[in-house]
Protein backbone atom coordinates (compact mmCIF):
# COMPACT_ATOMS: atom_id res chain seq x y z
CA MET A 1 30.85 -11.61 38.23
CA LEU A 2 27.70 -10.22 38.12
CA ARG A 3 24.82 -11.05 40.95
CA GLY A 4 21.12 -10.35 40.56
CA ARG A 5 17.75 -11.24 40.32
CA ALA A 6 16.12 -12.67 36.95
CA PHE A 7 13.09 -10.43 35.27
CA LYS A 8 11.36 -13.18 33.17
CA PHE A 9 9.56 -12.11 29.73
CA GLY A 10 8.62 -14.16 26.74
CA ASP A 11 9.44 -14.48 23.59
CA ASN A 12 9.40 -11.35 20.84
CA ILE A 13 9.86 -8.70 23.04
CA SER A 14 10.60 -5.83 19.92
CA THR A 15 11.98 -2.32 20.77
CA ASP A 16 8.64 -0.97 20.47
CA ARG A 17 7.88 -3.13 23.97
CA ILE A 18 11.14 -1.76 25.10
CA VAL A 19 10.79 1.74 24.00
CA PRO A 20 7.18 2.66 23.09
CA GLY A 21 7.07 4.51 20.30
CA LYS A 22 4.98 7.06 22.35
CA LEU A 23 7.36 8.27 23.79
CA LEU A 24 10.02 8.87 21.50
CA HIS A 25 9.62 12.43 22.39
CA LEU A 26 12.12 11.79 25.47
CA ARG A 27 15.39 10.35 23.27
CA SER A 28 16.79 13.68 24.67
CA ASN A 29 16.20 12.85 28.11
CA LEU A 30 16.96 9.42 28.50
CA PRO A 31 16.64 9.18 32.24
CA GLU A 32 13.30 9.94 32.00
CA LEU A 33 12.91 7.49 29.39
CA ALA A 34 14.89 4.70 30.78
CA LYS A 35 11.81 5.19 33.83
CA HIS A 36 9.32 3.48 31.54
CA VAL A 37 11.45 0.90 29.93
CA LEU A 38 9.53 -1.87 29.15
CA GLU A 39 6.30 -0.83 30.32
CA ASP A 40 4.34 -2.32 27.59
CA ALA A 41 5.32 -5.64 28.78
CA ASP A 42 5.48 -5.14 32.40
CA PRO A 43 4.35 -2.36 33.69
CA THR A 44 6.27 -2.37 37.21
CA PHE A 45 9.50 -2.91 36.13
CA ALA A 46 11.39 0.28 35.64
CA GLN A 47 9.67 0.58 39.72
CA ARG A 48 10.90 -2.65 40.52
CA VAL A 49 14.64 -3.35 38.87
CA ARG A 50 17.58 -2.92 40.89
CA LYS A 51 21.53 -2.56 39.97
CA GLY A 52 22.81 -5.11 38.76
CA ASP A 53 19.38 -7.16 38.08
CA PHE A 54 19.13 -9.30 34.85
CA LEU A 55 16.27 -9.18 32.14
CA VAL A 56 15.98 -12.98 31.04
CA ALA A 57 13.60 -13.41 27.87
CA GLY A 58 13.02 -15.92 25.35
CA LYS A 59 13.61 -16.04 21.89
CA ASN A 60 14.07 -13.08 19.49
CA PHE A 61 14.57 -10.12 22.55
CA GLY A 62 15.21 -7.10 20.90
CA LEU A 63 13.60 -7.71 17.11
CA GLY A 64 12.50 -4.34 15.01
CA SER A 65 13.64 -1.54 14.53
CA SER A 66 17.24 -0.31 15.27
CA ARG A 67 16.61 1.82 18.30
CA GLU A 68 20.26 2.27 19.83
CA HIS A 69 18.49 3.93 22.93
CA ALA A 70 16.62 0.33 23.90
CA PRO A 71 19.41 -1.16 25.48
CA LEU A 72 20.61 1.81 26.51
CA VAL A 73 17.88 2.53 28.63
CA ILE A 74 17.69 -0.92 29.59
CA LYS A 75 21.15 -0.69 31.02
CA MET A 76 20.69 2.65 32.69
CA ALA A 77 17.39 1.01 34.80
CA GLY A 78 20.13 -1.08 36.13
CA VAL A 79 19.93 -4.42 34.42
CA SER A 80 23.31 -5.61 34.32
CA ALA A 81 22.92 -7.94 31.72
CA VAL A 82 20.12 -9.69 28.82
CA ILE A 83 19.87 -13.73 29.04
CA ALA A 84 17.82 -14.61 25.79
CA ARG A 85 17.24 -17.67 24.15
CA SER A 86 18.14 -15.75 21.01
CA ALA A 87 18.56 -12.11 20.77
CA ALA A 88 17.86 -9.29 17.10
CA ARG A 89 21.58 -8.75 15.40
CA ILE A 90 21.17 -5.27 15.36
CA PHE A 91 20.13 -4.96 18.96
CA TYR A 92 22.51 -7.42 20.17
CA ARG A 93 25.58 -5.26 18.25
CA ASN A 94 24.30 -2.11 19.68
CA ALA A 95 23.98 -3.53 23.34
CA ILE A 96 27.81 -4.82 23.24
CA ASN A 97 28.71 -1.00 21.62
CA ILE A 98 27.23 0.20 24.72
CA GLY A 99 28.56 -1.88 27.31
CA LEU A 100 25.42 -4.24 28.19
CA PRO A 101 26.48 -7.81 27.83
CA VAL A 102 24.17 -10.22 26.38
CA LEU A 103 24.14 -14.22 26.41
CA LEU A 104 22.60 -16.69 24.82
CA CYS A 105 21.19 -19.82 26.03
CA ASP A 106 18.18 -21.82 26.91
CA THR A 107 16.13 -19.57 29.67
CA ASP A 108 13.27 -22.08 29.93
CA GLY A 109 14.55 -23.27 33.29
CA ILE A 110 14.98 -19.55 34.34
CA ASP A 111 12.07 -18.16 36.62
CA ASP A 112 11.00 -14.82 37.61
CA GLY A 113 12.92 -13.71 40.63
CA ASP A 114 15.30 -16.07 40.36
CA GLU A 115 18.89 -15.35 41.97
CA LEU A 116 21.46 -15.39 39.37
CA GLU A 117 25.43 -15.19 39.35
CA VAL A 118 26.75 -14.74 35.75
CA ASP A 119 30.50 -14.96 34.81
CA LEU A 120 31.25 -13.26 31.27
CA LYS A 121 34.47 -14.71 30.60
CA ALA A 122 33.32 -18.19 31.12
CA GLY A 123 29.98 -17.88 29.56
CA ARG A 124 28.56 -19.56 32.76
CA ILE A 125 24.92 -18.56 34.45
CA LYS A 126 24.35 -20.10 37.99
CA ASP A 127 20.55 -20.29 38.42
CA LEU A 128 21.41 -19.77 42.84
CA THR A 129 17.35 -20.29 43.11
CA ASN A 130 16.83 -24.18 41.22
CA LYS A 131 20.84 -24.92 41.98
CA VAL A 132 21.11 -25.05 38.00
CA GLU A 133 24.17 -24.03 35.72
CA LEU A 134 23.93 -23.03 32.39
CA HIS A 135 26.16 -22.34 29.55
CA SER A 136 25.59 -19.67 27.31
CA SER A 137 27.41 -19.12 23.73
CA ARG A 138 31.18 -17.96 24.36
CA MET A 139 31.63 -14.80 23.90
CA PRO A 140 35.08 -13.69 21.27
CA ARG A 141 37.51 -12.23 23.02
CA ILE A 142 37.37 -8.78 21.25
CA MET A 143 33.66 -8.45 22.46
CA LEU A 144 34.85 -9.16 25.83
CA ASP A 145 36.89 -6.35 26.21
CA ILE A 146 34.81 -3.77 24.56
CA LEU A 147 32.30 -4.89 27.23
CA GLN A 148 35.35 -4.63 30.32
CA GLU A 149 35.70 -0.99 28.66
CA GLY A 150 32.31 -0.58 29.02
CA GLY A 151 31.59 -0.13 25.38
CA LEU A 152 32.74 0.45 21.54
CA ILE A 153 33.66 4.22 22.24
CA PRO A 154 35.33 3.71 25.68
CA TYR A 155 37.00 1.03 23.65
CA MET A 156 38.19 3.02 20.85
CA GLN A 157 39.06 5.98 22.54
CA LYS A 158 41.44 4.14 24.81
CA HIS A 159 43.10 1.79 22.03
CA LYS A 160 42.60 3.23 19.11
CA ASN A 161 42.14 0.12 17.15
CA PHE A 162 40.91 -3.39 16.67
CA ASP A 163 43.46 -6.16 18.24
CA VAL A 164 41.83 -9.18 16.80
């Protein structure tokens, strides 16, 4: 069970807004890059987010280039999961591969600052502030297993193969 605050963003948050192009020179210093995550969308996000919080977005989260470090710096900033109405396919797979859950559901009823509780296995999101329960699309078992191991590389190191 995951629990934290919601940081709400709108539709079409691109990987360029997650990791601004002007900061790509920091790709070899990911902890420093994580200090700037989403600063073009919310200049205070990286300073306010705490370990376990959730990034909540509208449609098409993570569109644009396939910057693998976009989900990585979100995770490094402390975000425990992304909850969005929809997410770009490449962002979604990159996130799962590095162990960052992405849940897809109607996020309109979640407000910035709401306290959330997420059950990944059940695909259930409880908005404790608004006393509402949402249901995300359920992830296949293999994706849950990859997330449980901390990402694709740790999963493959441990299991040597996909057991589907």
